[in-house]
Amino acid sequence: MEQPQQTSPGAGVQALRRLAPPPALCGFLLLLALVFTVSYAVGSAAGPVAPGMRPSGTSNGVEDDPGTGTGTDPETDEMPGMGGH
């Protein structure tokens, strides 16, 4: 009668180490997340990139001035100031 094969207690740990990502990859991903977090915090602290810039729309979902921001005239579908040439 054969006895079941005994495995050493370290075999499970070795299998997990083979399946786990390399430490360098984990470090890189952690550093990447840190850089994006710091970048977002600095951007939030700096504020908008242009004077008078604000989020589009208002609390009720209606824009303050619906004709701005497109660069075209909705009547003629031409750029303003071009004289219709």
PDB file of N, CA and C in Angstrom:
ATOM      1  N   MET A   1       0.837  -1.164   0.000  1.00  0.00           N
ATOM      2  CA  MET A   1       0.000   0.000   0.000  1.00  0.00           C
ATOM      3  C   MET A   1       0.893   1.241   0.000  1.00  0.00           C
ATOM      4  N   GLU A   2       0.560   2.183  -0.898  1.00  0.00           N
ATOM      5  CA  GLU A   2       1.376   3.385  -1.005  1.00  0.00           C
ATOM      6  C   GLU A   2       0.848   4.461  -0.074  1.00  0.00           C
ATOM      7  N   GLN A   3       1.773   5.201   0.489  1.00  0.00           N
ATOM      8  CA  GLN A   3       1.389   6.315   1.349  1.00  0.00           C
ATOM      9  C   GLN A   3       1.281   7.578   0.500  1.00  0.00           C
ATOM     10  N   PRO A   4       0.358   8.493   0.846  1.00  0.00           N
ATOM     11  CA  PRO A   4       0.240   9.740   0.083  1.00  0.00           C
ATOM     12  C   PRO A   4       1.535  10.546   0.199  1.00  0.00           C
ATOM     13  N   GLN A   5       1.857  11.226  -0.862  1.00  0.00           N
ATOM     14  CA  GLN A   5       3.089  11.996  -0.901  1.00  0.00           C
ATOM     15  C   GLN A   5       2.956  13.219   0.003  1.00  0.00           C
ATOM     16  N   GLN A   6       3.913  13.397   0.875  1.00  0.00           N
ATOM     17  CA  GLN A   6       3.925  14.514   1.801  1.00  0.00           C
ATOM     18  C   GLN A   6       4.599  15.708   1.115  1.00  0.00           C
ATOM     19  N   THR A   7       4.007  16.874   1.248  1.00  0.00           N
ATOM     20  CA  THR A   7       4.624  18.086   0.705  1.00  0.00           C
ATOM     21  C   THR A   7       5.206  18.882   1.852  1.00  0.00           C
ATOM     22  N   SER A   8       6.271  19.553   1.565  1.00  0.00           N
ATOM     23  CA  SER A   8       6.889  20.372   2.597  1.00  0.00           C
ATOM     24  C   SER A   8       6.044  21.632   2.812  1.00  0.00           C
ATOM     25  N   PRO A   9       6.093  22.216   4.020  1.00  0.00           N
ATOM     26  CA  PRO A   9       5.279  23.402   4.280  1.00  0.00           C
ATOM     27  C   PRO A   9       5.671  24.601   3.414  1.00  0.00           C
ATOM     28  N   GLY A  10       6.878  24.626   2.904  1.00  0.00           N
ATOM     29  CA  GLY A  10       7.331  25.735   2.078  1.00  0.00           C
ATOM     30  C   GLY A  10       6.859  25.658   0.639  1.00  0.00           C
ATOM     31  N   ALA A  11       6.280  24.551   0.200  1.00  0.00           N
ATOM     32  CA  ALA A  11       5.847  24.387  -1.187  1.00  0.00           C
ATOM     33  C   ALA A  11       4.709  25.344  -1.529  1.00  0.00           C
ATOM     34  N   GLY A  12       3.794  25.563  -0.608  1.00  0.00           N
ATOM     35  CA  GLY A  12       2.678  26.494  -0.841  1.00  0.00           C
ATOM     36  C   GLY A  12       3.166  27.923  -0.956  1.00  0.00           C
ATOM     37  N   VAL A  13       4.139  28.277  -0.157  1.00  0.00           N
ATOM     38  CA  VAL A  13       4.706  29.626  -0.196  1.00  0.00           C
ATOM     39  C   VAL A  13       5.426  29.854  -1.516  1.00  0.00           C
ATOM     40  N   GLN A  14       6.159  28.851  -1.970  1.00  0.00           N
ATOM     41  CA  GLN A  14       6.867  28.977  -3.242  1.00  0.00           C
ATOM     42  C   GLN A  14       5.887  29.119  -4.405  1.00  0.00           C
ATOM     43  N   ALA A  15       4.781  28.411  -4.356  1.00  0.00           N
ATOM     44  CA  ALA A  15       3.774  28.513  -5.413  1.00  0.00           C
ATOM     45  C   ALA A  15       3.164  29.912  -5.432  1.00  0.00           C
ATOM     46  N   LEU A  16       2.914  30.488  -4.263  1.00  0.00           N
ATOM     47  CA  LEU A  16       2.366  31.843  -4.199  1.00  0.00           C
ATOM     48  C   LEU A  16       3.376  32.866  -4.722  1.00  0.00           C
ATOM     49  N   ARG A  17       4.646  32.654  -4.450  1.00  0.00           N
ATOM     50  CA  ARG A  17       5.663  33.587  -4.935  1.00  0.00           C
ATOM     51  C   ARG A  17       5.754  33.562  -6.455  1.00  0.00           C
ATOM     52  N   ARG A  18       5.546  32.390  -7.036  1.00  0.00           N
ATOM     53  CA  ARG A  18       5.585  32.293  -8.493  1.00  0.00           C
ATOM     54  C   ARG A  18       4.388  32.989  -9.125  1.00  0.00           C
ATOM     55  N   LEU A  19       3.237  32.966  -8.462  1.00  0.00           N
ATOM     56  CA  LEU A  19       2.026  33.571  -9.000  1.00  0.00           C
ATOM     57  C   LEU A  19       1.966  35.072  -8.749  1.00  0.00           C
ATOM     58  N   ALA A  20       2.631  35.564  -7.735  1.00  0.00           N
ATOM     59  CA  ALA A  20       2.593  36.983  -7.389  1.00  0.00           C
ATOM     60  C   ALA A  20       3.419  37.788  -8.392  1.00  0.00           C
ATOM     61  N   PRO A  21       3.008  39.039  -8.632  1.00  0.00           N
ATOM     62  CA  PRO A  21       3.800  39.877  -9.539  1.00  0.00           C
ATOM     63  C   PRO A  21       5.154  40.208  -8.917  1.00  0.00           C
ATOM     64  N   PRO A  22       6.140  40.492  -9.724  1.00  0.00           N
ATOM     65  CA  PRO A  22       7.465  40.814  -9.185  1.00  0.00           C
ATOM     66  C   PRO A  22       7.423  42.092  -8.343  1.00  0.00           C
ATOM     67  N   PRO A  23       8.262  42.190  -7.331  1.00  0.00           N
ATOM     68  CA  PRO A  23       8.254  43.371  -6.462  1.00  0.00           C
ATOM     69  C   PRO A  23       8.524  44.671  -7.222  1.00  0.00           C
ATOM     70  N   ALA A  24       9.334  44.619  -8.279  1.00  0.00           N
ATOM     71  CA  ALA A  24       9.607  45.829  -9.049  1.00  0.00           C
ATOM     72  C   ALA A  24       8.329  46.359  -9.704  1.00  0.00           C
ATOM     73  N   LEU A  25       7.464  45.472 -10.182  1.00  0.00           N
ATOM     74  CA  LEU A  25       6.206  45.898 -10.786  1.00  0.00           C
ATOM     75  C   LEU A  25       5.299  46.528  -9.744  1.00  0.00           C
ATOM     76  N   CYS A  26       5.231  45.939  -8.580  1.00  0.00           N
ATOM     77  CA  CYS A  26       4.411  46.499  -7.495  1.00  0.00           C
ATOM     78  C   CYS A  26       4.919  47.883  -7.108  1.00  0.00           C
ATOM     79  N   GLY A  27       6.235  48.033  -7.017  1.00  0.00           N
ATOM     80  CA  GLY A  27       6.817  49.328  -6.687  1.00  0.00           C
ATOM     81  C   GLY A  27       6.529  50.362  -7.751  1.00  0.00           C
ATOM     82  N   PHE A  28       6.624  49.972  -9.015  1.00  0.00           N
ATOM     83  CA  PHE A  28       6.340  50.889 -10.115  1.00  0.00           C
ATOM     84  C   PHE A  28       4.887  51.349 -10.083  1.00  0.00           C
ATOM     85  N   LEU A  29       3.962  50.424  -9.879  1.00  0.00           N
ATOM     86  CA  LEU A  29       2.548  50.788  -9.838  1.00  0.00           C
ATOM     87  C   LEU A  29       2.247  51.697  -8.653  1.00  0.00           C
ATOM     88  N   LEU A  30       2.891  51.450  -7.524  1.00  0.00           N
ATOM     89  CA  LEU A  30       2.711  52.306  -6.359  1.00  0.00           C
ATOM     90  C   LEU A  30       3.246  53.708  -6.643  1.00  0.00           C
ATOM     91  N   LEU A  31       4.408  53.799  -7.258  1.00  0.00           N
ATOM     92  CA  LEU A  31       4.984  55.090  -7.607  1.00  0.00           C
ATOM     93  C   LEU A  31       4.106  55.825  -8.617  1.00  0.00           C
ATOM     94  N   LEU A  32       3.565  55.112  -9.587  1.00  0.00           N
ATOM     95  CA  LEU A  32       2.688  55.703 -10.584  1.00  0.00           C
ATOM     96  C   LEU A  32       1.431  56.284  -9.925  1.00  0.00           C
ATOM     97  N   ALA A  33       0.832  55.532  -9.025  1.00  0.00           N
ATOM     98  CA  ALA A  33      -0.349  56.018  -8.313  1.00  0.00           C
ATOM     99  C   ALA A  33      -0.015  57.250  -7.483  1.00  0.00           C
ATOM    100  N   LEU A  34       1.156  57.267  -6.859  1.00  0.00           N
ATOM    101  CA  LEU A  34       1.580  58.408  -6.057  1.00  0.00           C
ATOM    102  C   LEU A  34       1.769  59.648  -6.931  1.00  0.00           C
ATOM    103  N   VAL A  35       2.382  59.489  -8.097  1.00  0.00           N
ATOM    104  CA  VAL A  35       2.609  60.621  -8.998  1.00  0.00           C
ATOM    105  C   VAL A  35       1.274  61.191  -9.481  1.00  0.00           C
ATOM    106  N   PHE A  36       0.328  60.346  -9.859  1.00  0.00           N
ATOM    107  CA  PHE A  36      -0.969  60.833 -10.297  1.00  0.00           C
ATOM    108  C   PHE A  36      -1.716  61.529  -9.164  1.00  0.00           C
ATOM    109  N   THR A  37      -1.616  61.016  -7.955  1.00  0.00           N
ATOM    110  CA  THR A  37      -2.282  61.635  -6.811  1.00  0.00           C
ATOM    111  C   THR A  37      -1.719  63.017  -6.537  1.00  0.00           C
ATOM    112  N   VAL A  38      -0.396  63.138  -6.529  1.00  0.00           N
ATOM    113  CA  VAL A  38       0.237  64.439  -6.299  1.00  0.00           C
ATOM    114  C   VAL A  38      -0.102  65.398  -7.439  1.00  0.00           C
ATOM    115  N   SER A  39      -0.096  64.918  -8.667  1.00  0.00           N
ATOM    116  CA  SER A  39      -0.425  65.753  -9.817  1.00  0.00           C
ATOM    117  C   SER A  39      -1.857  66.275  -9.717  1.00  0.00           C
ATOM    118  N   TYR A  40      -2.782  65.431  -9.334  1.00  0.00           N
ATOM    119  CA  TYR A  40      -4.181  65.845  -9.183  1.00  0.00           C
ATOM    120  C   TYR A  40      -4.320  66.883  -8.079  1.00  0.00           C
ATOM    121  N   ALA A  41      -3.624  66.672  -6.965  1.00  0.00           N
ATOM    122  CA  ALA A  41      -3.689  67.619  -5.849  1.00  0.00           C
ATOM    123  C   ALA A  41      -3.124  68.980  -6.248  1.00  0.00           C
ATOM    124  N   VAL A  42      -2.011  68.992  -6.972  1.00  0.00           N
ATOM    125  CA  VAL A  42      -1.420  70.263  -7.410  1.00  0.00           C
ATOM    126  C   VAL A  42      -2.351  70.961  -8.403  1.00  0.00           C
ATOM    127  N   GLY A  43      -2.935  70.221  -9.314  1.00  0.00           N
ATOM    128  CA  GLY A  43      -3.868  70.810 -10.275  1.00  0.00           C
ATOM    129  C   GLY A  43      -5.105  71.372  -9.614  1.00  0.00           C
ATOM    130  N   SER A  44      -5.606  70.697  -8.607  1.00  0.00           N
ATOM    131  CA  SER A  44      -6.773  71.199  -7.877  1.00  0.00           C
ATOM    132  C   SER A  44      -6.429  72.463  -7.101  1.00  0.00           C
ATOM    133  N   ALA A  45      -5.248  72.498  -6.534  1.00  0.00           N
ATOM    134  CA  ALA A  45      -4.832  73.673  -5.769  1.00  0.00           C
ATOM    135  C   ALA A  45      -4.565  74.860  -6.687  1.00  0.00           C
ATOM    136  N   ALA A  46      -4.093  74.627  -7.902  1.00  0.00           N
ATOM    137  CA  ALA A  46      -3.780  75.711  -8.835  1.00  0.00           C
ATOM    138  C   ALA A  46      -5.039  76.373  -9.370  1.00  0.00           C
ATOM    139  N   GLY A  47      -6.120  75.646  -9.462  1.00  0.00           N
ATOM    140  CA  GLY A  47      -7.363  76.215  -9.953  1.00  0.00           C
ATOM    141  C   GLY A  47      -7.470  76.153 -11.458  1.00  0.00           C
ATOM    142  N   PRO A  48      -8.400  76.932 -12.022  1.00  0.00           N
ATOM    143  CA  PRO A  48      -8.609  76.909 -13.470  1.00  0.00           C
ATOM    144  C   PRO A  48      -7.414  77.475 -14.230  1.00  0.00           C
ATOM    145  N   VAL A  49      -7.295  77.078 -15.490  1.00  0.00           N
ATOM    146  CA  VAL A  49      -6.149  77.490 -16.294  1.00  0.00           C
ATOM    147  C   VAL A  49      -6.344  78.848 -16.947  1.00  0.00           C
ATOM    148  N   ALA A  50      -7.566  79.361 -16.981  1.00  0.00           N
ATOM    149  CA  ALA A  50      -7.833  80.653 -17.603  1.00  0.00           C
ATOM    150  C   ALA A  50      -8.775  81.462 -16.711  1.00  0.00           C
ATOM    151  N   PRO A  51      -8.625  82.790 -16.705  1.00  0.00           N
ATOM    152  CA  PRO A  51      -9.535  83.617 -15.897  1.00  0.00           C
ATOM    153  C   PRO A  51     -10.967  83.475 -16.380  1.00  0.00           C
ATOM    154  N   GLY A  52     -11.886  83.405 -15.473  1.00  0.00           N
ATOM    155  CA  GLY A  52     -13.298  83.307 -15.812  1.00  0.00           C
ATOM    156  C   GLY A  52     -13.753  81.916 -16.197  1.00  0.00           C
ATOM    157  N   MET A  53     -12.876  80.944 -16.150  1.00  0.00           N
ATOM    158  CA  MET A  53     -13.252  79.589 -16.524  1.00  0.00           C
ATOM    159  C   MET A  53     -14.051  78.956 -15.391  1.00  0.00           C
ATOM    160  N   ARG A  54     -15.138  78.327 -15.748  1.00  0.00           N
ATOM    161  CA  ARG A  54     -15.980  77.667 -14.743  1.00  0.00           C
ATOM    162  C   ARG A  54     -16.605  76.428 -15.362  1.00  0.00           C
ATOM    163  N   PRO A  55     -17.116  75.523 -14.545  1.00  0.00           N
ATOM    164  CA  PRO A  55     -17.752  74.318 -15.097  1.00  0.00           C
ATOM    165  C   PRO A  55     -18.941  74.685 -15.991  1.00  0.00           C
ATOM    166  N   SER A  56     -19.173  73.907 -17.028  1.00  0.00           N
ATOM    167  CA  SER A  56     -20.291  74.181 -17.921  1.00  0.00           C
ATOM    168  C   SER A  56     -21.600  73.832 -17.254  1.00  0.00           C
ATOM    169  N   GLY A  57     -22.631  74.591 -17.571  1.00  0.00           N
ATOM    170  CA  GLY A  57     -23.946  74.346 -17.019  1.00  0.00           C
ATOM    171  C   GLY A  57     -24.097  74.925 -15.630  1.00  0.00           C
ATOM    172  N   THR A  58     -25.305  74.857 -15.106  1.00  0.00           N
ATOM    173  CA  THR A  58     -25.597  75.315 -13.756  1.00  0.00           C
ATOM    174  C   THR A  58     -26.239  74.190 -12.991  1.00  0.00           C
ATOM    175  N   SER A  59     -26.687  74.503 -11.801  1.00  0.00           N
ATOM    176  CA  SER A  59     -27.267  73.452 -10.962  1.00  0.00           C
ATOM    177  C   SER A  59     -28.564  72.886 -11.540  1.00  0.00           C
ATOM    178  N   ASN A  60     -29.300  73.691 -12.343  1.00  0.00           N
ATOM    179  CA  ASN A  60     -30.539  73.169 -12.915  1.00  0.00           C
ATOM    180  C   ASN A  60     -30.338  72.562 -14.294  1.00  0.00           C
ATOM    181  N   GLY A  61     -29.085  72.499 -14.774  1.00  0.00           N
ATOM    182  CA  GLY A  61     -28.789  71.841 -16.033  1.00  0.00           C
ATOM    183  C   GLY A  61     -28.899  72.728 -17.254  1.00  0.00           C
ATOM    184  N   VAL A  62     -29.226  74.039 -17.061  1.00  0.00           N
ATOM    185  CA  VAL A  62     -29.340  74.970 -18.178  1.00  0.00           C
ATOM    186  C   VAL A  62     -28.074  75.818 -18.209  1.00  0.00           C
ATOM    187  N   GLU A  63     -27.489  75.957 -19.395  1.00  0.00           N
ATOM    188  CA  GLU A  63     -26.273  76.748 -19.523  1.00  0.00           C
ATOM    189  C   GLU A  63     -26.605  78.224 -19.373  1.00  0.00           C
ATOM    190  N   ASP A  64     -25.613  79.003 -18.886  1.00  0.00           N
ATOM    191  CA  ASP A  64     -25.807  80.435 -18.726  1.00  0.00           C
ATOM    192  C   ASP A  64     -25.961  81.129 -20.073  1.00  0.00           C
ATOM    193  N   ASP A  65     -25.093  80.833 -21.025  1.00  0.00           N
ATOM    194  CA  ASP A  65     -25.108  81.434 -22.349  1.00  0.00           C
ATOM    195  C   ASP A  65     -24.915  80.322 -23.376  1.00  0.00           C
ATOM    196  N   PRO A  66     -25.986  79.756 -23.910  1.00  0.00           N
ATOM    197  CA  PRO A  66     -25.844  78.593 -24.782  1.00  0.00           C
ATOM    198  C   PRO A  66     -25.128  78.877 -26.089  1.00  0.00           C
ATOM    199  N   GLY A  67     -24.944  80.146 -26.492  1.00  0.00           N
ATOM    200  CA  GLY A  67     -24.308  80.447 -27.762  1.00  0.00           C
ATOM    201  C   GLY A  67     -22.789  80.506 -27.692  1.00  0.00           C
ATOM    202  N   THR A  68     -22.206  80.389 -26.516  1.00  0.00           N
ATOM    203  CA  THR A  68     -20.761  80.527 -26.403  1.00  0.00           C
ATOM    204  C   THR A  68     -20.082  79.177 -26.414  1.00  0.00           C
ATOM    205  N   GLY A  69     -18.828  79.205 -26.828  1.00  0.00           N
ATOM    206  CA  GLY A  69     -18.018  78.004 -26.731  1.00  0.00           C
ATOM    207  C   GLY A  69     -18.002  77.128 -27.961  1.00  0.00           C
ATOM    208  N   THR A  70     -18.879  77.391 -28.954  1.00  0.00           N
ATOM    209  CA  THR A  70     -18.905  76.514 -30.118  1.00  0.00           C
ATOM    210  C   THR A  70     -18.049  77.043 -31.254  1.00  0.00           C
ATOM    211  N   GLY A  71     -17.939  78.376 -31.378  1.00  0.00           N
ATOM    212  CA  GLY A  71     -17.150  78.952 -32.459  1.00  0.00           C
ATOM    213  C   GLY A  71     -17.897  79.027 -33.780  1.00  0.00           C
ATOM    214  N   THR A  72     -19.156  78.626 -33.790  1.00  0.00           N
ATOM    215  CA  THR A  72     -19.943  78.690 -35.023  1.00  0.00           C
ATOM    216  C   THR A  72     -21.249  79.411 -34.763  1.00  0.00           C
ATOM    217  N   ASP A  73     -21.823  79.935 -35.811  1.00  0.00           N
ATOM    218  CA  ASP A  73     -23.125  80.590 -35.745  1.00  0.00           C
ATOM    219  C   ASP A  73     -24.177  79.527 -36.059  1.00  0.00           C
ATOM    220  N   PRO A  74     -25.101  79.265 -35.153  1.00  0.00           N
ATOM    221  CA  PRO A  74     -26.075  78.193 -35.412  1.00  0.00           C
ATOM    222  C   PRO A  74     -26.991  78.487 -36.607  1.00  0.00           C
ATOM    223  N   GLU A  75     -27.165  79.773 -36.964  1.00  0.00           N
ATOM    224  CA  GLU A  75     -28.040  80.116 -38.093  1.00  0.00           C
ATOM    225  C   GLU A  75     -27.409  79.730 -39.424  1.00  0.00           C
ATOM    226  N   THR A  76     -26.125  80.076 -39.616  1.00  0.00           N
ATOM    227  CA  THR A  76     -25.502  79.871 -40.913  1.00  0.00           C
ATOM    228  C   THR A  76     -24.454  78.755 -40.886  1.00  0.00           C
ATOM    229  N   ASP A  77     -24.119  78.285 -39.709  1.00  0.00           N
ATOM    230  CA  ASP A  77     -23.101  77.245 -39.534  1.00  0.00           C
ATOM    231  C   ASP A  77     -21.755  77.692 -40.076  1.00  0.00           C
ATOM    232  N   GLU A  78     -21.488  79.011 -39.960  1.00  0.00           N
ATOM    233  CA  GLU A  78     -20.202  79.582 -40.356  1.00  0.00           C
ATOM    234  C   GLU A  78     -19.551  80.191 -39.127  1.00  0.00           C
ATOM    235  N   MET A  79     -18.261  80.392 -39.223  1.00  0.00           N
ATOM    236  CA  MET A  79     -17.557  81.049 -38.131  1.00  0.00           C
ATOM    237  C   MET A  79     -17.919  82.517 -38.090  1.00  0.00           C
ATOM    238  N   PRO A  80     -18.116  83.103 -36.892  1.00  0.00           N
ATOM    239  CA  PRO A  80     -18.475  84.518 -36.820  1.00  0.00           C
ATOM    240  C   PRO A  80     -17.337  85.382 -37.344  1.00  0.00           C
ATOM    241  N   GLY A  81     -17.689  86.501 -37.997  1.00  0.00           N
ATOM    242  CA  GLY A  81     -16.708  87.449 -38.475  1.00  0.00           C
ATOM    243  C   GLY A  81     -16.097  87.084 -39.826  1.00  0.00           C
ATOM    244  N   MET A  82     -16.561  86.040 -40.475  1.00  0.00           N
ATOM    245  CA  MET A  82     -15.957  85.618 -41.740  1.00  0.00           C
ATOM    246  C   MET A  82     -16.637  86.300 -42.935  1.00  0.00           C
ATOM    247  N   GLY A  83     -17.768  86.972 -42.722  1.00  0.00           N
ATOM    248  CA  GLY A  83     -18.407  87.730 -43.794  1.00  0.00           C
ATOM    249  C   GLY A  83     -19.125  86.886 -44.839  1.00  0.00           C
ATOM    250  N   GLY A  84     -19.317  85.616 -44.639  1.00  0.00           N
ATOM    251  CA  GLY A  84     -20.069  84.775 -45.559  1.00  0.00           C
ATOM    252  C   GLY A  84     -19.381  84.494 -46.876  1.00  0.00           C
ATOM    253  N   HIS A  85     -18.068  84.542 -46.956  1.00  0.00           N
ATOM    254  CA  HIS A  85     -17.332  84.294 -48.207  1.00  0.00           C
ATOM    255  C   HIS A  85     -17.257  82.835 -48.490  1.00  0.00           C
TER     256      HIS A  85
END
